[in-house]
């Protein structure tokens, strides 16, 4: 088990399904990314921080940074998702918005790869 799997296993059962799906999605989209715990959150790295996830009180947070949130802010609003400058709240009461997560992770991957080659 990785440190991220350990994090998921340590969370309340109510959060584990969302976290497991979110972790699986990020891993599938970014198979070359490193994994660690940073700031107490599962973190994927590729030429710096890529995205973080964390369990909240009634949601799972996705932290793609300010540029990542800005890239999907309109879609977050359309889906009724709370978001701030660097975070998107994915409520436990709704399915994970796979298309939105895919879009933001792919954006961050492109951004980090461009950073490395530039």
N, C-alpha and C. Protein backbone atom coordinates (compact mmCIF):
# COMPACT_ATOMS: atom_id res chain seq x y z
N UNK A 1 0.84 -1.20 0.00
CA UNK A 1 0.00 0.00 0.00
C UNK A 1 0.87 1.25 0.00
N UNK A 2 0.40 2.27 -0.71
CA UNK A 2 1.13 3.53 -0.74
C UNK A 2 0.65 4.44 0.40
N UNK A 3 1.34 5.55 0.59
CA UNK A 3 0.92 6.49 1.62
C UNK A 3 -0.47 7.06 1.31
N UNK A 4 -0.80 7.16 0.04
CA UNK A 4 -2.14 7.65 -0.33
C UNK A 4 -3.20 6.60 0.00
N UNK A 5 -2.91 5.34 -0.27
CA UNK A 5 -3.85 4.27 0.11
C UNK A 5 -4.04 4.24 1.63
N UNK A 6 -2.96 4.45 2.37
CA UNK A 6 -3.04 4.51 3.84
C UNK A 6 -3.93 5.66 4.28
N UNK A 7 -3.81 6.81 3.63
CA UNK A 7 -4.64 7.97 3.96
C UNK A 7 -6.12 7.63 3.75
N UNK A 8 -6.43 7.05 2.59
CA UNK A 8 -7.83 6.71 2.29
C UNK A 8 -8.36 5.72 3.32
N UNK A 9 -7.58 4.71 3.64
CA UNK A 9 -8.01 3.69 4.60
C UNK A 9 -8.25 4.27 5.99
N UNK A 10 -7.58 5.36 6.33
CA UNK A 10 -7.71 5.96 7.66
C UNK A 10 -8.91 6.90 7.76
N UNK A 11 -9.57 7.19 6.64
CA UNK A 11 -10.71 8.12 6.66
C UNK A 11 -12.00 7.40 7.05
N UNK A 12 -13.01 8.19 7.41
CA UNK A 12 -14.31 7.63 7.76
C UNK A 12 -14.89 6.89 6.55
N UNK A 13 -15.64 5.86 6.83
CA UNK A 13 -16.22 5.04 5.77
C UNK A 13 -17.04 5.88 4.80
N UNK A 14 -17.70 6.93 5.30
CA UNK A 14 -18.53 7.79 4.44
C UNK A 14 -17.72 8.49 3.35
N UNK A 15 -16.42 8.65 3.55
CA UNK A 15 -15.57 9.35 2.59
C UNK A 15 -14.79 8.40 1.67
N UNK A 16 -14.67 7.15 2.06
CA UNK A 16 -13.76 6.26 1.37
C UNK A 16 -14.13 5.99 -0.09
N UNK A 17 -15.40 5.84 -0.41
CA UNK A 17 -15.78 5.56 -1.80
C UNK A 17 -15.40 6.73 -2.71
N UNK A 18 -15.71 7.96 -2.28
CA UNK A 18 -15.36 9.13 -3.08
C UNK A 18 -13.84 9.26 -3.22
N UNK A 19 -13.14 9.09 -2.11
CA UNK A 19 -11.68 9.19 -2.16
C UNK A 19 -11.08 8.11 -3.05
N UNK A 20 -11.58 6.89 -2.94
CA UNK A 20 -11.07 5.79 -3.75
C UNK A 20 -11.28 6.07 -5.23
N UNK A 21 -12.46 6.56 -5.59
CA UNK A 21 -12.73 6.87 -6.99
C UNK A 21 -11.85 8.02 -7.48
N UNK A 22 -11.70 9.04 -6.66
CA UNK A 22 -10.90 10.20 -7.04
C UNK A 22 -9.42 9.81 -7.18
N UNK A 23 -8.91 9.04 -6.25
CA UNK A 23 -7.52 8.56 -6.31
C UNK A 23 -7.31 7.72 -7.57
N UNK A 24 -8.24 6.81 -7.85
CA UNK A 24 -8.13 5.97 -9.04
C UNK A 24 -8.14 6.78 -10.32
N UNK A 25 -8.96 7.81 -10.35
CA UNK A 25 -9.05 8.67 -11.53
C UNK A 25 -7.74 9.44 -11.75
N UNK A 26 -7.21 10.03 -10.69
CA UNK A 26 -5.96 10.78 -10.83
C UNK A 26 -4.83 9.83 -11.24
N UNK A 27 -4.78 8.66 -10.63
CA UNK A 27 -3.74 7.69 -10.99
C UNK A 27 -3.83 7.27 -12.45
N UNK A 28 -5.05 7.09 -12.95
CA UNK A 28 -5.24 6.69 -14.35
C UNK A 28 -4.83 7.81 -15.31
N UNK A 29 -5.12 9.04 -14.94
CA UNK A 29 -4.81 10.18 -15.80
C UNK A 29 -3.34 10.59 -15.73
N UNK A 30 -2.72 10.33 -14.58
CA UNK A 30 -1.33 10.77 -14.38
C UNK A 30 -0.47 9.62 -13.86
N UNK A 31 -0.32 8.56 -14.65
CA UNK A 31 0.40 7.38 -14.16
C UNK A 31 1.88 7.63 -13.87
N UNK A 32 2.46 8.68 -14.45
CA UNK A 32 3.87 8.99 -14.22
C UNK A 32 4.09 9.93 -13.03
N UNK A 33 3.01 10.40 -12.44
CA UNK A 33 3.14 11.35 -11.33
C UNK A 33 3.61 10.63 -10.06
N UNK A 34 4.39 11.34 -9.29
CA UNK A 34 4.79 10.83 -7.98
C UNK A 34 3.65 10.97 -6.99
N UNK A 35 3.71 10.20 -5.92
CA UNK A 35 2.68 10.26 -4.89
C UNK A 35 3.33 10.47 -3.54
N UNK A 36 2.74 11.37 -2.76
CA UNK A 36 3.23 11.62 -1.41
C UNK A 36 2.11 12.26 -0.59
N UNK A 37 2.37 12.44 0.69
CA UNK A 37 1.49 13.22 1.54
C UNK A 37 2.18 14.57 1.73
N UNK A 38 1.48 15.63 1.40
CA UNK A 38 2.01 16.97 1.57
C UNK A 38 0.92 17.83 2.22
N UNK A 39 1.27 18.58 3.23
CA UNK A 39 0.31 19.37 3.99
C UNK A 39 -0.82 18.48 4.52
N UNK A 40 -0.50 17.22 4.82
CA UNK A 40 -1.49 16.29 5.35
C UNK A 40 -2.46 15.75 4.33
N UNK A 41 -2.20 16.01 3.03
CA UNK A 41 -3.12 15.60 1.97
C UNK A 41 -2.42 14.71 0.95
N UNK A 42 -3.14 13.73 0.39
CA UNK A 42 -2.59 12.99 -0.75
C UNK A 42 -2.25 13.98 -1.85
N UNK A 43 -1.05 13.85 -2.38
CA UNK A 43 -0.54 14.81 -3.36
C UNK A 43 0.12 14.05 -4.51
N UNK A 44 -0.16 14.49 -5.72
CA UNK A 44 0.53 13.96 -6.90
C UNK A 44 1.47 15.05 -7.39
N UNK A 45 2.67 14.62 -7.77
CA UNK A 45 3.68 15.57 -8.22
C UNK A 45 4.18 15.21 -9.62
N UNK A 46 4.40 16.23 -10.40
CA UNK A 46 5.00 16.09 -11.73
C UNK A 46 5.62 17.44 -12.03
N UNK A 47 6.92 17.55 -11.88
CA UNK A 47 7.62 18.83 -12.03
C UNK A 47 7.03 19.86 -11.07
N UNK A 48 6.78 19.43 -9.84
CA UNK A 48 6.13 20.24 -8.81
C UNK A 48 4.78 19.64 -8.49
N UNK A 49 4.05 20.29 -7.61
CA UNK A 49 2.73 19.78 -7.22
C UNK A 49 1.77 19.80 -8.40
N UNK A 50 1.06 18.68 -8.56
CA UNK A 50 0.07 18.55 -9.63
C UNK A 50 -1.33 18.82 -9.06
N UNK A 51 -1.79 17.95 -8.18
CA UNK A 51 -3.07 18.12 -7.48
C UNK A 51 -2.98 17.48 -6.11
N UNK A 52 -3.85 17.93 -5.21
CA UNK A 52 -4.01 17.35 -3.89
C UNK A 52 -5.48 16.95 -3.75
N UNK A 53 -5.76 16.01 -2.86
CA UNK A 53 -7.13 15.69 -2.48
C UNK A 53 -7.17 15.56 -0.96
N UNK A 54 -8.33 15.73 -0.37
CA UNK A 54 -8.46 15.58 1.08
C UNK A 54 -9.92 15.41 1.46
N UNK A 55 -10.11 14.72 2.55
CA UNK A 55 -11.46 14.56 3.11
C UNK A 55 -11.85 15.81 3.87
N UNK A 56 -13.05 16.31 3.59
CA UNK A 56 -13.60 17.44 4.33
C UNK A 56 -14.74 16.92 5.20
N UNK A 57 -15.48 17.82 5.81
CA UNK A 57 -16.56 17.39 6.70
C UNK A 57 -17.67 16.66 5.94
N UNK A 58 -18.18 17.27 4.87
CA UNK A 58 -19.27 16.69 4.08
C UNK A 58 -18.91 16.58 2.60
N UNK A 59 -17.62 16.63 2.33
CA UNK A 59 -17.16 16.61 0.94
C UNK A 59 -15.75 16.03 0.87
N UNK A 60 -15.30 15.84 -0.36
CA UNK A 60 -13.90 15.55 -0.63
C UNK A 60 -13.40 16.75 -1.42
N UNK A 61 -12.27 17.27 -1.02
CA UNK A 61 -11.71 18.43 -1.69
C UNK A 61 -10.72 18.03 -2.77
N UNK A 62 -10.78 18.73 -3.87
CA UNK A 62 -9.80 18.59 -4.95
C UNK A 62 -9.09 19.94 -5.03
N UNK A 63 -7.77 19.90 -4.95
CA UNK A 63 -6.97 21.12 -4.89
C UNK A 63 -6.01 21.16 -6.09
N UNK A 64 -6.46 21.71 -7.21
CA UNK A 64 -5.61 21.78 -8.40
C UNK A 64 -4.87 23.11 -8.53
N UNK A 65 -4.94 23.95 -7.52
CA UNK A 65 -4.32 25.26 -7.58
C UNK A 65 -5.23 26.28 -8.26
N UNK A 66 -4.84 27.53 -8.17
CA UNK A 66 -5.68 28.61 -8.68
C UNK A 66 -5.93 28.51 -10.18
N UNK A 67 -4.90 28.18 -10.95
CA UNK A 67 -5.09 28.07 -12.41
C UNK A 67 -6.04 26.92 -12.75
N UNK A 68 -5.91 25.80 -12.03
CA UNK A 68 -6.77 24.65 -12.27
C UNK A 68 -8.23 24.96 -11.99
N UNK A 69 -8.48 25.64 -10.88
CA UNK A 69 -9.87 26.02 -10.55
C UNK A 69 -10.40 27.01 -11.57
N UNK A 70 -9.59 28.00 -11.93
CA UNK A 70 -10.03 29.00 -12.91
C UNK A 70 -10.40 28.33 -14.24
N UNK A 71 -9.66 27.29 -14.60
CA UNK A 71 -9.91 26.59 -15.86
C UNK A 71 -11.30 25.94 -15.91
N UNK A 72 -11.81 25.51 -14.75
CA UNK A 72 -13.11 24.82 -14.71
C UNK A 72 -14.15 25.55 -13.86
N UNK A 73 -13.90 26.80 -13.52
CA UNK A 73 -14.80 27.54 -12.63
C UNK A 73 -16.23 27.60 -13.16
N UNK A 74 -16.39 27.86 -14.46
CA UNK A 74 -17.74 27.92 -15.03
C UNK A 74 -18.44 26.58 -14.91
N UNK A 75 -17.72 25.49 -15.17
CA UNK A 75 -18.32 24.15 -15.05
C UNK A 75 -18.67 23.85 -13.59
N UNK A 76 -17.84 24.29 -12.67
CA UNK A 76 -18.15 24.09 -11.24
C UNK A 76 -19.46 24.80 -10.89
N UNK A 77 -19.59 26.02 -11.35
CA UNK A 77 -20.81 26.79 -11.09
C UNK A 77 -22.02 26.10 -11.70
N UNK A 78 -21.89 25.64 -12.94
CA UNK A 78 -23.00 24.94 -13.61
C UNK A 78 -23.41 23.69 -12.84
N UNK A 79 -22.42 22.99 -12.25
CA UNK A 79 -22.70 21.76 -11.51
C UNK A 79 -23.11 22.04 -10.06
N UNK A 80 -23.09 23.29 -9.65
CA UNK A 80 -23.45 23.65 -8.29
C UNK A 80 -22.39 23.28 -7.27
N UNK A 81 -21.14 23.23 -7.70
CA UNK A 81 -20.04 22.87 -6.81
C UNK A 81 -19.44 24.11 -6.18
N UNK A 82 -19.24 24.06 -4.87
CA UNK A 82 -18.55 25.16 -4.21
C UNK A 82 -17.08 25.10 -4.62
N UNK A 83 -16.51 26.28 -4.87
CA UNK A 83 -15.11 26.35 -5.20
C UNK A 83 -14.55 27.68 -4.74
N UNK A 84 -13.26 27.68 -4.50
CA UNK A 84 -12.56 28.89 -4.10
C UNK A 84 -11.36 29.04 -5.00
N UNK A 85 -10.45 29.92 -4.66
CA UNK A 85 -9.30 30.20 -5.52
C UNK A 85 -8.52 28.93 -5.89
N UNK A 86 -8.33 28.00 -4.95
CA UNK A 86 -7.52 26.82 -5.24
C UNK A 86 -8.17 25.49 -4.93
N UNK A 87 -9.47 25.50 -4.62
CA UNK A 87 -10.13 24.27 -4.17
C UNK A 87 -11.51 24.09 -4.80
N UNK A 88 -11.85 22.82 -4.99
CA UNK A 88 -13.19 22.45 -5.47
C UNK A 88 -13.75 21.44 -4.48
N UNK A 89 -14.96 21.69 -3.97
CA UNK A 89 -15.59 20.75 -3.05
C UNK A 89 -16.49 19.80 -3.81
N UNK A 90 -16.24 18.50 -3.62
CA UNK A 90 -17.04 17.45 -4.25
C UNK A 90 -17.89 16.82 -3.14
N UNK A 91 -19.18 17.17 -3.06
CA UNK A 91 -20.01 16.72 -1.95
C UNK A 91 -20.20 15.20 -1.94
N UNK A 92 -20.26 14.66 -0.73
CA UNK A 92 -20.46 13.21 -0.58
C UNK A 92 -21.85 12.80 -1.04
N UNK A 93 -22.77 13.75 -1.11
CA UNK A 93 -24.16 13.45 -1.48
C UNK A 93 -24.37 13.34 -2.98
N UNK A 94 -23.32 13.54 -3.77
CA UNK A 94 -23.45 13.49 -5.24
C UNK A 94 -22.30 12.66 -5.80
N UNK A 95 -22.50 12.09 -6.99
CA UNK A 95 -21.41 11.34 -7.61
C UNK A 95 -20.23 12.25 -7.95
N UNK A 96 -19.05 11.66 -8.02
CA UNK A 96 -17.86 12.40 -8.45
C UNK A 96 -18.09 12.86 -9.91
N UNK A 97 -17.90 14.14 -10.20
CA UNK A 97 -18.04 14.62 -11.59
C UNK A 97 -16.79 14.25 -12.40
N UNK A 98 -16.81 13.05 -12.94
CA UNK A 98 -15.63 12.49 -13.59
C UNK A 98 -15.12 13.38 -14.73
N UNK A 99 -16.02 13.91 -15.54
CA UNK A 99 -15.60 14.75 -16.66
C UNK A 99 -14.89 16.01 -16.17
N UNK A 100 -15.39 16.61 -15.12
CA UNK A 100 -14.77 17.81 -14.56
C UNK A 100 -13.39 17.49 -13.99
N UNK A 101 -13.29 16.43 -13.22
CA UNK A 101 -12.01 16.04 -12.64
C UNK A 101 -11.01 15.71 -13.75
N UNK A 102 -11.46 14.99 -14.75
CA UNK A 102 -10.60 14.66 -15.89
C UNK A 102 -10.09 15.92 -16.56
N UNK A 103 -10.98 16.85 -16.78
CA UNK A 103 -10.61 18.10 -17.45
C UNK A 103 -9.57 18.89 -16.66
N UNK A 104 -9.77 18.99 -15.36
CA UNK A 104 -8.84 19.79 -14.55
C UNK A 104 -7.49 19.07 -14.38
N UNK A 105 -7.49 17.77 -14.23
CA UNK A 105 -6.22 17.04 -14.09
C UNK A 105 -5.44 17.09 -15.41
N UNK A 106 -6.12 16.93 -16.53
CA UNK A 106 -5.42 17.02 -17.83
C UNK A 106 -4.85 18.43 -18.03
N UNK A 107 -5.58 19.45 -17.63
CA UNK A 107 -5.09 20.82 -17.72
C UNK A 107 -3.83 20.98 -16.88
N UNK A 108 -3.87 20.48 -15.65
CA UNK A 108 -2.71 20.60 -14.76
C UNK A 108 -1.53 19.80 -15.31
N UNK A 109 -1.77 18.64 -15.88
CA UNK A 109 -0.69 17.86 -16.49
C UNK A 109 -0.01 18.66 -17.59
N UNK A 110 -0.81 19.24 -18.48
CA UNK A 110 -0.26 20.04 -19.58
C UNK A 110 0.52 21.24 -19.02
N UNK A 111 -0.02 21.84 -18.02
CA UNK A 111 0.63 23.01 -17.41
C UNK A 111 1.99 22.62 -16.80
N UNK A 112 2.03 21.51 -16.08
CA UNK A 112 3.28 21.08 -15.44
C UNK A 112 4.30 20.60 -16.46
N UNK A 113 3.84 19.94 -17.51
CA UNK A 113 4.77 19.49 -18.55
C UNK A 113 5.36 20.68 -19.30
N UNK A 114 4.54 21.69 -19.55
CA UNK A 114 5.04 22.90 -20.22
C UNK A 114 6.06 23.62 -19.33
N UNK A 115 5.81 23.61 -18.05
CA UNK A 115 6.72 24.24 -17.08
C UNK A 115 8.09 23.53 -17.14
N UNK A 116 8.07 22.22 -17.26
CA UNK A 116 9.32 21.45 -17.28
C UNK A 116 10.10 21.65 -18.56
N UNK A 117 9.39 21.85 -19.67
CA UNK A 117 10.09 21.97 -20.96
C UNK A 117 10.44 23.42 -21.28
N UNK A 118 9.90 24.35 -20.47
CA UNK A 118 10.13 25.76 -20.75
C UNK A 118 11.23 26.31 -20.02
